[in-house]
Amino acid sequence: MLPLPFTRQELRALIVLGATGLVGITAVFVTHVAPPAQVSAAVVVNVNAASAEELVALRGIGPALARRIVEDRAQHGRFLRVEDVGRVTGLSAKVVAELKSRLTVE
């Protein structure tokens, strides 16, 4: 076996420095490269006027579900109550309850 050019203590220090560097690079990537969070608890959306893109900003609504909400509104008319959004296929009562504080029907 070949002798190492570093002592055990130096090798440990190098490993710690390398791990610290990886953590630092990851932190930079997450804060500067990753897209910002789409969801804000303060967002309130009028479900009768919102586009699919605006609906996607709400937690629990993806692009496909947002399109179904817009299509349902076009076919069946405006929602009279927030709870009426539950008529859209794919929206469970649980999701509607979670969205209730972030939806309005103006």
PDB file of N, CA and C in Angstrom:
ATOM      1  N   MET A   1       0.838  -1.173   0.000  1.00  0.00           N
ATOM      2  CA  MET A   1       0.000   0.000   0.000  1.00  0.00           C
ATOM      3  C   MET A   1       0.889   1.246   0.000  1.00  0.00           C
ATOM      4  N   LEU A   2       0.540   2.214  -0.813  1.00  0.00           N
ATOM      5  CA  LEU A   2       1.333   3.433  -0.922  1.00  0.00           C
ATOM      6  C   LEU A   2       1.059   4.350   0.272  1.00  0.00           C
ATOM      7  N   PRO A   3       2.055   5.041   0.738  1.00  0.00           N
ATOM      8  CA  PRO A   3       1.817   5.970   1.841  1.00  0.00           C
ATOM      9  C   PRO A   3       1.046   7.190   1.331  1.00  0.00           C
ATOM     10  N   LEU A   4       0.157   7.701   2.170  1.00  0.00           N
ATOM     11  CA  LEU A   4      -0.637   8.880   1.817  1.00  0.00           C
ATOM     12  C   LEU A   4       0.205  10.136   1.964  1.00  0.00           C
ATOM     13  N   PRO A   5       0.006  11.122   1.085  1.00  0.00           N
ATOM     14  CA  PRO A   5       0.781  12.352   1.194  1.00  0.00           C
ATOM     15  C   PRO A   5       0.290  13.248   2.334  1.00  0.00           C
ATOM     16  N   PHE A   6      -0.783  12.823   3.001  1.00  0.00           N
ATOM     17  CA  PHE A   6      -1.345  13.617   4.103  1.00  0.00           C
ATOM     18  C   PHE A   6      -1.394  12.782   5.374  1.00  0.00           C
ATOM     19  N   THR A   7      -1.325  13.454   6.498  1.00  0.00           N
ATOM     20  CA  THR A   7      -1.544  12.759   7.770  1.00  0.00           C
ATOM     21  C   THR A   7      -3.037  12.521   7.909  1.00  0.00           C
ATOM     22  N   ARG A   8      -3.414  11.696   8.840  1.00  0.00           N
ATOM     23  CA  ARG A   8      -4.838  11.435   9.078  1.00  0.00           C
ATOM     24  C   ARG A   8      -5.581  12.724   9.447  1.00  0.00           C
ATOM     25  N   GLN A   9      -4.946  13.554  10.234  1.00  0.00           N
ATOM     26  CA  GLN A   9      -5.555  14.813  10.652  1.00  0.00           C
ATOM     27  C   GLN A   9      -5.769  15.736   9.445  1.00  0.00           C
ATOM     28  N   GLU A  10      -4.793  15.817   8.564  1.00  0.00           N
ATOM     29  CA  GLU A  10      -4.922  16.635   7.363  1.00  0.00           C
ATOM     30  C   GLU A  10      -6.007  16.082   6.438  1.00  0.00           C
ATOM     31  N   LEU A  11      -6.063  14.773   6.339  1.00  0.00           N
ATOM     32  CA  LEU A  11      -7.079  14.146   5.505  1.00  0.00           C
ATOM     33  C   LEU A  11      -8.486  14.445   6.027  1.00  0.00           C
ATOM     34  N   ARG A  12      -8.675  14.355   7.342  1.00  0.00           N
ATOM     35  CA  ARG A  12      -9.973  14.703   7.939  1.00  0.00           C
ATOM     36  C   ARG A  12     -10.330  16.153   7.656  1.00  0.00           C
ATOM     37  N   ALA A  13      -9.349  17.039   7.775  1.00  0.00           N
ATOM     38  CA  ALA A  13      -9.593  18.457   7.519  1.00  0.00           C
ATOM     39  C   ALA A  13     -10.013  18.669   6.063  1.00  0.00           C
ATOM     40  N   LEU A  14      -9.357  17.968   5.142  1.00  0.00           N
ATOM     41  CA  LEU A  14      -9.713  18.083   3.729  1.00  0.00           C
ATOM     42  C   LEU A  14     -11.130  17.582   3.460  1.00  0.00           C
ATOM     43  N   ILE A  15     -11.508  16.499   4.104  1.00  0.00           N
ATOM     44  CA  ILE A  15     -12.861  15.956   3.942  1.00  0.00           C
ATOM     45  C   ILE A  15     -13.892  16.948   4.470  1.00  0.00           C
ATOM     46  N   VAL A  16     -13.628  17.523   5.631  1.00  0.00           N
ATOM     47  CA  VAL A  16     -14.553  18.507   6.208  1.00  0.00           C
ATOM     48  C   VAL A  16     -14.661  19.730   5.301  1.00  0.00           C
ATOM     49  N   LEU A  17     -13.523  20.211   4.793  1.00  0.00           N
ATOM     50  CA  LEU A  17     -13.544  21.363   3.892  1.00  0.00           C
ATOM     51  C   LEU A  17     -14.313  21.046   2.610  1.00  0.00           C
ATOM     52  N   GLY A  18     -14.127  19.861   2.074  1.00  0.00           N
ATOM     53  CA  GLY A  18     -14.851  19.466   0.864  1.00  0.00           C
ATOM     54  C   GLY A  18     -16.345  19.398   1.101  1.00  0.00           C
ATOM     55  N   ALA A  19     -16.738  18.809   2.231  1.00  0.00           N
ATOM     56  CA  ALA A  19     -18.166  18.724   2.556  1.00  0.00           C
ATOM     57  C   ALA A  19     -18.752  20.112   2.758  1.00  0.00           C
ATOM     58  N   THR A  20     -18.005  20.993   3.431  1.00  0.00           N
ATOM     59  CA  THR A  20     -18.467  22.360   3.641  1.00  0.00           C
ATOM     60  C   THR A  20     -18.637  23.072   2.302  1.00  0.00           C
ATOM     61  N   GLY A  21     -17.720  22.841   1.394  1.00  0.00           N
ATOM     62  CA  GLY A  21     -17.825  23.442   0.064  1.00  0.00           C
ATOM     63  C   GLY A  21     -19.052  22.960  -0.679  1.00  0.00           C
ATOM     64  N   LEU A  22     -19.376  21.671  -0.568  1.00  0.00           N
ATOM     65  CA  LEU A  22     -20.575  21.135  -1.215  1.00  0.00           C
ATOM     66  C   LEU A  22     -21.833  21.759  -0.640  1.00  0.00           C
ATOM     67  N   VAL A  23     -21.856  21.929   0.665  1.00  0.00           N
ATOM     68  CA  VAL A  23     -23.011  22.563   1.301  1.00  0.00           C
ATOM     69  C   VAL A  23     -23.140  24.009   0.820  1.00  0.00           C
ATOM     70  N   GLY A  24     -22.023  24.698   0.724  1.00  0.00           N
ATOM     71  CA  GLY A  24     -22.042  26.080   0.256  1.00  0.00           C
ATOM     72  C   GLY A  24     -22.511  26.200  -1.175  1.00  0.00           C
ATOM     73  N   ILE A  25     -22.026  25.321  -2.032  1.00  0.00           N
ATOM     74  CA  ILE A  25     -22.444  25.331  -3.436  1.00  0.00           C
ATOM     75  C   ILE A  25     -23.933  25.024  -3.541  1.00  0.00           C
ATOM     76  N   THR A  26     -24.404  24.075  -2.760  1.00  0.00           N
ATOM     77  CA  THR A  26     -25.826  23.741  -2.766  1.00  0.00           C
ATOM     78  C   THR A  26     -26.659  24.936  -2.325  1.00  0.00           C
ATOM     79  N   ALA A  27     -26.225  25.639  -1.288  1.00  0.00           N
ATOM     80  CA  ALA A  27     -26.959  26.811  -0.811  1.00  0.00           C
ATOM     81  C   ALA A  27     -27.017  27.893  -1.875  1.00  0.00           C
ATOM     82  N   VAL A  28     -25.923  28.111  -2.566  1.00  0.00           N
ATOM     83  CA  VAL A  28     -25.907  29.109  -3.641  1.00  0.00           C
ATOM     84  C   VAL A  28     -26.855  28.687  -4.752  1.00  0.00           C
ATOM     85  N   PHE A  29     -26.825  27.423  -5.129  1.00  0.00           N
ATOM     86  CA  PHE A  29     -27.706  26.932  -6.182  1.00  0.00           C
ATOM     87  C   PHE A  29     -29.167  27.122  -5.801  1.00  0.00           C
ATOM     88  N   VAL A  30     -29.530  26.729  -4.607  1.00  0.00           N
ATOM     89  CA  VAL A  30     -30.926  26.804  -4.174  1.00  0.00           C
ATOM     90  C   VAL A  30     -31.409  28.242  -4.115  1.00  0.00           C
ATOM     91  N   THR A  31     -30.570  29.158  -3.639  1.00  0.00           N
ATOM     92  CA  THR A  31     -31.034  30.532  -3.476  1.00  0.00           C
ATOM     93  C   THR A  31     -30.957  31.354  -4.758  1.00  0.00           C
ATOM     94  N   HIS A  32     -30.063  31.010  -5.687  1.00  0.00           N
ATOM     95  CA  HIS A  32     -29.892  31.839  -6.870  1.00  0.00           C
ATOM     96  C   HIS A  32     -30.338  31.201  -8.173  1.00  0.00           C
ATOM     97  N   VAL A  33     -30.361  29.891  -8.244  1.00  0.00           N
ATOM     98  CA  VAL A  33     -30.675  29.232  -9.497  1.00  0.00           C
ATOM     99  C   VAL A  33     -32.079  28.645  -9.481  1.00  0.00           C
ATOM    100  N   ALA A  34     -32.492  28.099  -8.364  1.00  0.00           N
ATOM    101  CA  ALA A  34     -33.803  27.476  -8.281  1.00  0.00           C
ATOM    102  C   ALA A  34     -34.890  28.527  -8.442  1.00  0.00           C
ATOM    103  N   PRO A  35     -36.014  28.176  -9.080  1.00  0.00           N
ATOM    104  CA  PRO A  35     -37.089  29.154  -9.246  1.00  0.00           C
ATOM    105  C   PRO A  35     -37.710  29.510  -7.902  1.00  0.00           C
ATOM    106  N   PRO A  36     -38.218  30.721  -7.767  1.00  0.00           N
ATOM    107  CA  PRO A  36     -38.848  31.100  -6.515  1.00  0.00           C
ATOM    108  C   PRO A  36     -40.130  30.300  -6.297  1.00  0.00           C
ATOM    109  N   ALA A  37     -40.501  30.161  -5.068  1.00  0.00           N
ATOM    110  CA  ALA A  37     -41.727  29.433  -4.746  1.00  0.00           C
ATOM    111  C   ALA A  37     -42.912  30.129  -5.403  1.00  0.00           C
ATOM    112  N   GLN A  38     -43.805  29.343  -5.987  1.00  0.00           N
ATOM    113  CA  GLN A  38     -44.954  29.906  -6.672  1.00  0.00           C
ATOM    114  C   GLN A  38     -46.085  30.243  -5.720  1.00  0.00           C
ATOM    115  N   VAL A  39     -46.077  29.614  -4.598  1.00  0.00           N
ATOM    116  CA  VAL A  39     -47.227  29.680  -3.730  1.00  0.00           C
ATOM    117  C   VAL A  39     -47.033  30.694  -2.622  1.00  0.00           C
ATOM    118  N   SER A  40     -48.014  31.485  -2.430  1.00  0.00           N
ATOM    119  CA  SER A  40     -48.009  32.419  -1.320  1.00  0.00           C
ATOM    120  C   SER A  40     -49.332  32.268  -0.595  1.00  0.00           C
ATOM    121  N   ALA A  41     -49.275  32.200   0.712  1.00  0.00           N
ATOM    122  CA  ALA A  41     -50.497  32.043   1.495  1.00  0.00           C
ATOM    123  C   ALA A  41     -51.389  33.275   1.371  1.00  0.00           C
ATOM    124  N   ALA A  42     -50.810  34.425   0.996  1.00  0.00           N
ATOM    125  CA  ALA A  42     -51.568  35.661   0.919  1.00  0.00           C
ATOM    126  C   ALA A  42     -52.319  35.809  -0.405  1.00  0.00           C
ATOM    127  N   VAL A  43     -52.068  34.944  -1.376  1.00  0.00           N
ATOM    128  CA  VAL A  43     -52.713  35.053  -2.680  1.00  0.00           C
ATOM    129  C   VAL A  43     -54.187  34.706  -2.553  1.00  0.00           C
ATOM    130  N   VAL A  44     -55.047  35.626  -3.009  1.00  0.00           N
ATOM    131  CA  VAL A  44     -56.484  35.373  -3.078  1.00  0.00           C
ATOM    132  C   VAL A  44     -56.885  35.547  -4.533  1.00  0.00           C
ATOM    133  N   VAL A  45     -57.535  34.530  -5.086  1.00  0.00           N
ATOM    134  CA  VAL A  45     -57.848  34.507  -6.506  1.00  0.00           C
ATOM    135  C   VAL A  45     -59.360  34.453  -6.703  1.00  0.00           C
ATOM    136  N   ASN A  46     -59.859  35.296  -7.613  1.00  0.00           N
ATOM    137  CA  ASN A  46     -61.265  35.254  -8.002  1.00  0.00           C
ATOM    138  C   ASN A  46     -61.421  34.114  -9.000  1.00  0.00           C
ATOM    139  N   VAL A  47     -62.032  33.043  -8.578  1.00  0.00           N
ATOM    140  CA  VAL A  47     -62.137  31.837  -9.400  1.00  0.00           C
ATOM    141  C   VAL A  47     -63.013  32.078 -10.625  1.00  0.00           C
ATOM    142  N   ASN A  48     -63.858  33.111 -10.618  1.00  0.00           N
ATOM    143  CA  ASN A  48     -64.706  33.411 -11.770  1.00  0.00           C
ATOM    144  C   ASN A  48     -64.009  34.254 -12.832  1.00  0.00           C
ATOM    145  N   ALA A  49     -62.853  34.811 -12.520  1.00  0.00           N
ATOM    146  CA  ALA A  49     -62.150  35.658 -13.484  1.00  0.00           C
ATOM    147  C   ALA A  49     -60.718  35.196 -13.740  1.00  0.00           C
ATOM    148  N   ALA A  50     -60.222  34.296 -12.929  1.00  0.00           N
ATOM    149  CA  ALA A  50     -58.810  33.900 -13.010  1.00  0.00           C
ATOM    150  C   ALA A  50     -58.520  33.067 -14.250  1.00  0.00           C
ATOM    151  N   SER A  51     -57.344  33.299 -14.800  1.00  0.00           N
ATOM    152  CA  SER A  51     -56.863  32.456 -15.894  1.00  0.00           C
ATOM    153  C   SER A  51     -56.267  31.188 -15.291  1.00  0.00           C
ATOM    154  N   ALA A  52     -55.980  30.231 -16.156  1.00  0.00           N
ATOM    155  CA  ALA A  52     -55.352  28.991 -15.684  1.00  0.00           C
ATOM    156  C   ALA A  52     -54.009  29.297 -15.039  1.00  0.00           C
ATOM    157  N   GLU A  53     -53.268  30.247 -15.591  1.00  0.00           N
ATOM    158  CA  GLU A  53     -51.954  30.605 -15.037  1.00  0.00           C
ATOM    159  C   GLU A  53     -52.091  31.181 -13.623  1.00  0.00           C
ATOM    160  N   GLU A  54     -53.123  31.963 -13.384  1.00  0.00           N
ATOM    161  CA  GLU A  54     -53.337  32.530 -12.046  1.00  0.00           C
ATOM    162  C   GLU A  54     -53.746  31.451 -11.055  1.00  0.00           C
ATOM    163  N   LEU A  55     -54.527  30.489 -11.518  1.00  0.00           N
ATOM    164  CA  LEU A  55     -54.971  29.412 -10.621  1.00  0.00           C
ATOM    165  C   LEU A  55     -53.822  28.500 -10.219  1.00  0.00           C
ATOM    166  N   VAL A  56     -52.850  28.319 -11.096  1.00  0.00           N
ATOM    167  CA  VAL A  56     -51.700  27.463 -10.800  1.00  0.00           C
ATOM    168  C   VAL A  56     -50.893  28.034  -9.636  1.00  0.00           C
ATOM    169  N   ALA A  57     -51.000  29.329  -9.381  1.00  0.00           N
ATOM    170  CA  ALA A  57     -50.265  29.945  -8.275  1.00  0.00           C
ATOM    171  C   ALA A  57     -50.749  29.457  -6.916  1.00  0.00           C
ATOM    172  N   LEU A  58     -51.879  28.789  -6.884  1.00  0.00           N
ATOM    173  CA  LEU A  58     -52.424  28.290  -5.625  1.00  0.00           C
ATOM    174  C   LEU A  58     -51.924  26.881  -5.348  1.00  0.00           C
ATOM    175  N   ARG A  59     -51.554  26.637  -4.099  1.00  0.00           N
ATOM    176  CA  ARG A  59     -51.085  25.305  -3.693  1.00  0.00           C
ATOM    177  C   ARG A  59     -52.225  24.304  -3.887  1.00  0.00           C
ATOM    178  N   GLY A  60     -51.910  23.198  -4.506  1.00  0.00           N
ATOM    179  CA  GLY A  60     -52.905  22.152  -4.711  1.00  0.00           C
ATOM    180  C   GLY A  60     -53.526  22.176  -6.093  1.00  0.00           C
ATOM    181  N   ILE A  61     -53.241  23.226  -6.891  1.00  0.00           N
ATOM    182  CA  ILE A  61     -53.782  23.309  -8.240  1.00  0.00           C
ATOM    183  C   ILE A  61     -52.626  23.310  -9.232  1.00  0.00           C
ATOM    184  N   GLY A  62     -52.597  22.271 -10.042  1.00  0.00           N
ATOM    185  CA  GLY A  62     -51.583  22.184 -11.089  1.00  0.00           C
ATOM    186  C   GLY A  62     -52.156  22.662 -12.410  1.00  0.00           C
ATOM    187  N   PRO A  63     -51.362  22.627 -13.462  1.00  0.00           N
ATOM    188  CA  PRO A  63     -51.818  23.123 -14.764  1.00  0.00           C
ATOM    189  C   PRO A  63     -53.067  22.410 -15.304  1.00  0.00           C
ATOM    190  N   ALA A  64     -53.122  21.093 -15.173  1.00  0.00           N
ATOM    191  CA  ALA A  64     -54.272  20.348 -15.698  1.00  0.00           C
ATOM    192  C   ALA A  64     -55.548  20.703 -14.939  1.00  0.00           C
ATOM    193  N   LEU A  65     -55.457  20.768 -13.636  1.00  0.00           N
ATOM    194  CA  LEU A  65     -56.622  21.107 -12.826  1.00  0.00           C
ATOM    195  C   LEU A  65     -57.064  22.544 -13.080  1.00  0.00           C
ATOM    196  N   ALA A  66     -56.121  23.441 -13.246  1.00  0.00           N
ATOM    197  CA  ALA A  66     -56.449  24.834 -13.546  1.00  0.00           C
ATOM    198  C   ALA A  66     -57.214  24.928 -14.867  1.00  0.00           C
ATOM    199  N   ARG A  67     -56.771  24.171 -15.876  1.00  0.00           N
ATOM    200  CA  ARG A  67     -57.485  24.168 -17.165  1.00  0.00           C
ATOM    201  C   ARG A  67     -58.901  23.629 -17.005  1.00  0.00           C
ATOM    202  N   ARG A  68     -59.065  22.570 -16.183  1.00  0.00           N
ATOM    203  CA  ARG A  68     -60.407  22.012 -15.967  1.00  0.00           C
ATOM    204  C   ARG A  68     -61.313  23.010 -15.274  1.00  0.00           C
ATOM    205  N   ILE A  69     -60.778  23.805 -14.351  1.00  0.00           N
ATOM    206  CA  ILE A  69     -61.588  24.826 -13.667  1.00  0.00           C
ATOM    207  C   ILE A  69     -62.056  25.867 -14.675  1.00  0.00           C
ATOM    208  N   VAL A  70     -61.151  26.336 -15.519  1.00  0.00           N
ATOM    209  CA  VAL A  70     -61.500  27.343 -16.532  1.00  0.00           C
ATOM    210  C   VAL A  70     -62.516  26.760 -17.521  1.00  0.00           C
ATOM    211  N   GLU A  71     -62.322  25.522 -17.948  1.00  0.00           N
ATOM    212  CA  GLU A  71     -63.257  24.878 -18.880  1.00  0.00           C
ATOM    213  C   GLU A  71     -64.629  24.679 -18.244  1.00  0.00           C
ATOM    214  N   ASP A  72     -64.658  24.261 -16.978  1.00  0.00           N
ATOM    215  CA  ASP A  72     -65.933  24.083 -16.276  1.00  0.00           C
ATOM    216  C   ASP A  72     -66.676  25.407 -16.185  1.00  0.00           C
ATOM    217  N   ARG A  73     -65.965  26.461 -15.888  1.00  0.00           N
ATOM    218  CA  ARG A  73     -66.578  27.791 -15.787  1.00  0.00           C
ATOM    219  C   ARG A  73     -67.150  28.211 -17.139  1.00  0.00           C
ATOM    220  N   ALA A  74     -66.451  27.907 -18.229  1.00  0.00           N
ATOM    221  CA  ALA A  74     -66.929  28.258 -19.566  1.00  0.00           C
ATOM    222  C   ALA A  74     -68.167  27.449 -19.949  1.00  0.00           C
ATOM    223  N   GLN A  75     -68.216  26.179 -19.539  1.00  0.00           N
ATOM    224  CA  GLN A  75     -69.336  25.307 -19.898  1.00  0.00           C
ATOM    225  C   GLN A  75     -70.564  25.516 -19.020  1.00  0.00           C
ATOM    226  N   HIS A  76     -70.352  25.683 -17.715  1.00  0.00           N
ATOM    227  CA  HIS A  76     -71.471  25.700 -16.773  1.00  0.00           C
ATOM    228  C   HIS A  76     -71.750  27.066 -16.154  1.00  0.00           C
ATOM    229  N   GLY A  77     -70.971  28.051 -16.504  1.00  0.00           N
ATOM    230  CA  GLY A  77     -71.186  29.389 -15.950  1.00  0.00           C
ATOM    231  C   GLY A  77     -70.384  29.604 -14.677  1.00  0.00           C
ATOM    232  N   ARG A  78     -70.498  30.799 -14.164  1.00  0.00           N
ATOM    233  CA  ARG A  78     -69.709  31.211 -13.006  1.00  0.00           C
ATOM    234  C   ARG A  78     -70.048  30.399 -11.757  1.00  0.00           C
ATOM    235  N   PHE A  79     -69.118  30.395 -10.842  1.00  0.00           N
ATOM    236  CA  PHE A  79     -69.314  29.731  -9.552  1.00  0.00           C
ATOM    237  C   PHE A  79     -70.028  30.722  -8.630  1.00  0.00           C
ATOM    238  N   LEU A  80     -71.074  30.292  -7.983  1.00  0.00           N
ATOM    239  CA  LEU A  80     -71.824  31.177  -7.087  1.00  0.00           C
ATOM    240  C   LEU A  80     -71.224  31.221  -5.695  1.00  0.00           C
ATOM    241  N   ARG A  81     -70.633  30.104  -5.266  1.00  0.00           N
ATOM    242  CA  ARG A  81     -69.958  30.013  -3.974  1.00  0.00           C
ATOM    243  C   ARG A  81     -68.611  29.347  -4.180  1.00  0.00           C
ATOM    244  N   VAL A  82     -67.690  29.599  -3.287  1.00  0.00           N
ATOM    245  CA  VAL A  82     -66.371  28.974  -3.393  1.00  0.00           C
ATOM    246  C   VAL A  82     -66.511  27.459  -3.388  1.00  0.00           C
ATOM    247  N   GLU A  83     -67.417  26.934  -2.614  1.00  0.00           N
ATOM    248  CA  GLU A  83     -67.617  25.489  -2.525  1.00  0.00           C
ATOM    249  C   GLU A  83     -68.030  24.881  -3.856  1.00  0.00           C
ATOM    250  N   ASP A  84     -68.629  25.682  -4.761  1.00  0.00           N
ATOM    251  CA  ASP A  84     -69.055  25.180  -6.069  1.00  0.00           C
ATOM    252  C   ASP A  84     -67.889  24.715  -6.926  1.00  0.00           C
ATOM    253  N   VAL A  85     -66.680  25.140  -6.596  1.00  0.00           N
ATOM    254  CA  VAL A  85     -65.501  24.702  -7.339  1.00  0.00           C
ATOM    255  C   VAL A  85     -65.354  23.190  -7.207  1.00  0.00           C
ATOM    256  N   GLY A  86     -65.926  22.609  -6.177  1.00  0.00           N
ATOM    257  CA  GLY A  86     -65.868  21.172  -5.967  1.00  0.00           C
ATOM    258  C   GLY A  86     -66.524  20.367  -7.070  1.00  0.00           C
ATOM    259  N   ARG A  87     -67.319  21.026  -7.923  1.00  0.00           N
ATOM    260  CA  ARG A  87     -67.961  20.299  -9.032  1.00  0.00           C
ATOM    261  C   ARG A  87     -66.966  19.930 -10.131  1.00  0.00           C
ATOM    262  N   VAL A  88     -65.782  20.522 -10.092  1.00  0.00           N
ATOM    263  CA  VAL A  88     -64.747  20.253 -11.096  1.00  0.00           C
ATOM    264  C   VAL A  88     -64.120  18.896 -10.805  1.00  0.00           C
ATOM    265  N   THR A  89     -64.030  18.075 -11.821  1.00  0.00           N
ATOM    266  CA  THR A  89     -63.426  16.754 -11.684  1.00  0.00           C
ATOM    267  C   THR A  89     -61.975  16.891 -11.228  1.00  0.00           C
ATOM    268  N   GLY A  90     -61.635  16.166 -10.168  1.00  0.00           N
ATOM    269  CA  GLY A  90     -60.270  16.187  -9.660  1.00  0.00           C
ATOM    270  C   GLY A  90     -60.090  17.058  -8.431  1.00  0.00           C
ATOM    271  N   LEU A  91     -61.110  17.821  -8.073  1.00  0.00           N
ATOM    272  CA  LEU A  91     -61.036  18.652  -6.863  1.00  0.00           C
ATOM    273  C   LEU A  91     -61.812  17.959  -5.755  1.00  0.00           C
ATOM    274  N   SER A  92     -61.109  17.417  -4.808  1.00  0.00           N
ATOM    275  CA  SER A  92     -61.762  16.743  -3.687  1.00  0.00           C
ATOM    276  C   SER A  92     -62.264  17.766  -2.678  1.00  0.00           C
ATOM    277  N   ALA A  93     -63.135  17.329  -1.804  1.00  0.00           N
ATOM    278  CA  ALA A  93     -63.652  18.215  -0.754  1.00  0.00           C
ATOM    279  C   ALA A  93     -62.513  18.716   0.124  1.00  0.00           C
ATOM    280  N   LYS A  94     -61.507  17.887   0.336  1.00  0.00           N
ATOM    281  CA  LYS A  94     -60.364  18.284   1.156  1.00  0.00           C
ATOM    282  C   LYS A  94     -59.598  19.433   0.506  1.00  0.00           C
ATOM    283  N   VAL A  95     -59.341  19.330  -0.797  1.00  0.00           N
ATOM    284  CA  VAL A  95     -58.622  20.388  -1.500  1.00  0.00           C
ATOM    285  C   VAL A  95     -59.446  21.668  -1.516  1.00  0.00           C
ATOM    286  N   VAL A  96     -60.755  21.543  -1.742  1.00  0.00           N
ATOM    287  CA  VAL A  96     -61.629  22.722  -1.737  1.00  0.00           C
ATOM    288  C   VAL A  96     -61.585  23.392  -0.367  1.00  0.00           C
ATOM    289  N   ALA A  97     -61.602  22.614   0.707  1.00  0.00           N
ATOM    290  CA  ALA A  97     -61.531  23.187   2.053  1.00  0.00           C
ATOM    291  C   ALA A  97     -60.211  23.916   2.275  1.00  0.00           C
ATOM    292  N   GLU A  98     -59.121  23.358   1.759  1.00  0.00           N
ATOM    293  CA  GLU A  98     -57.815  24.004   1.895  1.00  0.00           C
ATOM    294  C   GLU A  98     -57.731  25.288   1.075  1.00  0.00           C
ATOM    295  N   LEU A  99     -58.409  25.311  -0.069  1.00  0.00           N
ATOM    296  CA  LEU A  99     -58.367  26.478  -0.956  1.00  0.00           C
ATOM    297  C   LEU A  99     -59.368  27.560  -0.571  1.00  0.00           C
ATOM    298  N   LYS A 100     -60.322  27.235   0.257  1.00  0.00           N
ATOM    299  CA  LYS A 100     -61.437  28.140   0.557  1.00  0.00           C
ATOM    300  C   LYS A 100     -60.987  29.531   0.982  1.00  0.00           C
ATOM    301  N   SER A 101     -59.944  29.621   1.776  1.00  0.00           N
ATOM    302  CA  SER A 101     -59.484  30.928   2.261  1.00  0.00           C
ATOM    303  C   SER A 101     -58.725  31.702   1.186  1.00  0.00           C
ATOM    304  N   ARG A 102     -58.343  31.040   0.103  1.00  0.00           N
ATOM    305  CA  ARG A 102     -57.566  31.711  -0.945  1.00  0.00           C
ATOM    306  C   ARG A 102     -58.344  31.910  -2.232  1.00  0.00           C
ATOM    307  N   LEU A 103     -59.663  31.580  -2.213  1.00  0.00           N
ATOM    308  CA  LEU A 103     -60.516  31.780  -3.369  1.00  0.00           C
ATOM    309  C   LEU A 103     -61.639  32.728  -3.026  1.00  0.00           C
ATOM    310  N   THR A 104     -62.092  33.444  -4.035  1.00  0.00           N
ATOM    311  CA  THR A 104     -63.256  34.306  -3.888  1.00  0.00           C
ATOM    312  C   THR A 104     -64.091  34.167  -5.154  1.00  0.00           C
ATOM    313  N   VAL A 105     -65.370  34.483  -5.074  1.00  0.00           N
ATOM    314  CA  VAL A 105     -66.259  34.435  -6.235  1.00  0.00           C
ATOM    315  C   VAL A 105     -66.927  35.795  -6.395  1.00  0.00           C
ATOM    316  N   GLU A 106     -66.255  36.682  -7.053  1.00  0.00           N
ATOM    317  CA  GLU A 106     -66.790  38.042  -7.246  1.00  0.00           C
ATOM    318  C   GLU A 106     -67.563  38.126  -8.521  1.00  0.00           C
TER     319      GLU A 106
END
